[in-house]
Amino acid sequence: QVQLVESGGGLVQPGGSLRLSCAASGSIFRINVMGWYRQAPGKERELVAVVTSGGSTNYADSVKGRFTISRDNAKNTVSLQMNSLKPEDTAVYYCYCSGAWGKGTPVTVSS
């Protein structure tokens, strides 16, 4: 069983930046895909960005050019650098890894 611990959420003004981090531990044999999803109030959970062990990435169109996902395979961590944040980025952000989900970290973009 994989455990995921997220950190880095909070309140930020529009145009600001935040960095989310997620550390995986537990029964980790081989992790291929790690990533971030988000769920805004009243909406379904959606993909934000994912990265494979080989470094291939995929981003939601809404965050391309603003968000950057990265991972450290040796430490089993994945991070999400979020720049130029917009109010519509407000959501609970969830880390994903090997079928497991983190508890989520809230991000609020508001002036």
Protein backbone atom coordinates (compact mmCIF):
# COMPACT_ATOMS: atom_id res chain seq x y z
CA GLN A 1 0.00 0.00 0.00
CA VAL A 2 1.27 3.42 -0.99
CA GLN A 3 0.93 6.45 1.25
CA LEU A 4 1.06 9.96 -0.15
CA VAL A 5 1.66 13.14 1.81
CA GLU A 6 1.07 16.49 0.12
CA SER A 7 2.24 19.92 1.19
CA GLY A 8 2.39 23.46 -0.14
CA GLY A 9 -1.20 24.56 -0.60
CA GLY A 10 -2.56 27.86 0.66
CA LEU A 11 -3.97 31.25 -0.19
CA VAL A 12 -2.38 33.33 -2.93
CA GLN A 13 -3.34 36.41 -4.89
CA PRO A 14 -4.05 36.23 -8.62
CA GLY A 15 -0.80 36.22 -10.54
CA GLY A 16 1.07 34.65 -7.65
CA SER A 17 2.88 31.34 -7.35
CA LEU A 18 2.72 28.22 -5.21
CA ARG A 19 4.66 24.99 -5.18
CA LEU A 20 3.02 21.72 -4.23
CA SER A 21 5.01 18.70 -3.15
CA CYS A 22 4.08 15.07 -2.62
CA ALA A 23 6.11 12.29 -1.05
CA ALA A 24 5.26 8.63 -1.62
CA SER A 25 6.10 5.89 0.86
CA GLY A 26 5.07 2.37 1.71
CA SER A 27 4.88 -0.61 -0.61
CA ILE A 28 6.55 0.99 -3.57
CA PHE A 29 7.93 -1.44 -6.09
CA ARG A 30 7.95 0.49 -9.29
CA ILE A 31 6.26 3.79 -9.83
CA ASN A 32 5.48 4.76 -13.38
CA VAL A 33 3.03 7.63 -13.37
CA MET A 34 2.89 10.32 -10.69
CA GLY A 35 0.77 13.38 -10.94
CA TRP A 36 -1.66 15.96 -9.71
CA TYR A 37 -5.41 16.24 -10.06
CA ARG A 38 -7.73 18.89 -8.70
CA GLN A 39 -11.35 19.23 -7.74
CA ALA A 40 -13.09 22.57 -7.53
CA PRO A 41 -16.32 23.01 -5.56
CA GLY A 42 -19.23 21.50 -7.45
CA LYS A 43 -17.02 20.05 -10.16
CA GLU A 44 -15.53 16.67 -10.95
CA ARG A 45 -11.91 15.82 -10.25
CA GLU A 46 -9.75 16.63 -13.25
CA LEU A 47 -6.21 15.97 -14.36
CA VAL A 48 -3.76 18.83 -13.89
CA ALA A 49 -0.44 17.24 -14.83
CA VAL A 50 1.24 13.85 -14.82
CA VAL A 51 4.82 12.69 -15.33
CA THR A 52 6.18 9.24 -16.11
CA SER A 53 9.31 7.70 -14.65
CA GLY A 54 11.00 8.52 -17.94
CA GLY A 55 10.13 12.18 -17.66
CA SER A 56 7.30 12.41 -20.17
CA THR A 57 4.68 14.93 -19.10
CA ASN A 58 1.07 15.71 -19.88
CA TYR A 59 -0.76 18.87 -18.84
CA ALA A 60 -4.32 20.06 -18.89
CA ASP A 61 -4.76 22.74 -21.53
CA SER A 62 -5.84 25.20 -18.87
CA VAL A 63 -2.47 25.07 -17.09
CA LYS A 64 -0.03 24.70 -19.99
CA GLY A 65 2.66 27.35 -19.86
CA ARG A 66 1.88 28.20 -16.23
CA PHE A 67 2.39 24.96 -14.30
CA THR A 68 5.43 22.70 -14.30
CA ILE A 69 5.50 19.16 -12.93
CA SER A 70 8.71 17.48 -11.84
CA ARG A 71 9.70 14.34 -9.99
CA ASP A 72 12.62 12.83 -8.15
CA ASN A 73 12.61 9.09 -8.81
CA ALA A 74 15.21 8.39 -6.14
CA LYS A 75 13.13 10.09 -3.46
CA ASN A 76 9.70 9.11 -4.84
CA THR A 77 8.54 12.70 -4.81
CA VAL A 78 6.58 14.78 -7.29
CA SER A 79 6.19 18.55 -7.30
CA LEU A 80 3.98 21.04 -9.08
CA GLN A 81 5.22 24.58 -9.60
CA MET A 82 2.23 26.82 -10.23
CA ASN A 83 2.82 30.29 -11.63
CA SER A 84 0.49 33.03 -12.84
CA LEU A 85 -2.29 31.60 -10.74
CA LYS A 86 -5.87 32.50 -11.57
CA PRO A 87 -9.02 32.41 -9.45
CA GLU A 88 -10.23 29.47 -11.56
CA ASP A 89 -7.25 27.46 -10.28
CA THR A 90 -8.91 27.41 -6.86
CA ALA A 91 -9.45 23.77 -5.91
CA VAL A 92 -8.30 20.94 -3.71
CA TYR A 93 -5.22 19.44 -5.32
CA TYR A 94 -4.63 15.71 -5.02
CA CYS A 95 -1.43 13.79 -5.55
CA TYR A 96 -1.72 10.53 -7.49
CA CYS A 97 0.71 7.61 -7.58
CA SER A 98 0.31 3.92 -8.40
CA GLY A 99 -3.44 3.89 -7.86
CA ALA A 100 -3.22 5.75 -4.56
CA TRP A 101 -4.47 9.23 -3.74
CA GLY A 102 -3.31 11.78 -1.23
CA LYS A 103 -5.75 13.49 1.11
CA GLY A 104 -5.56 16.71 -0.87
CA THR A 105 -4.21 20.17 -0.22
CA PRO A 106 -6.37 23.26 -0.79
CA VAL A 107 -5.30 26.06 -3.09
CA THR A 108 -7.23 29.33 -3.03
CA VAL A 109 -6.50 32.10 -5.51
CA SER A 110 -8.19 35.28 -4.41
CA SER A 111 -7.51 38.95 -3.86
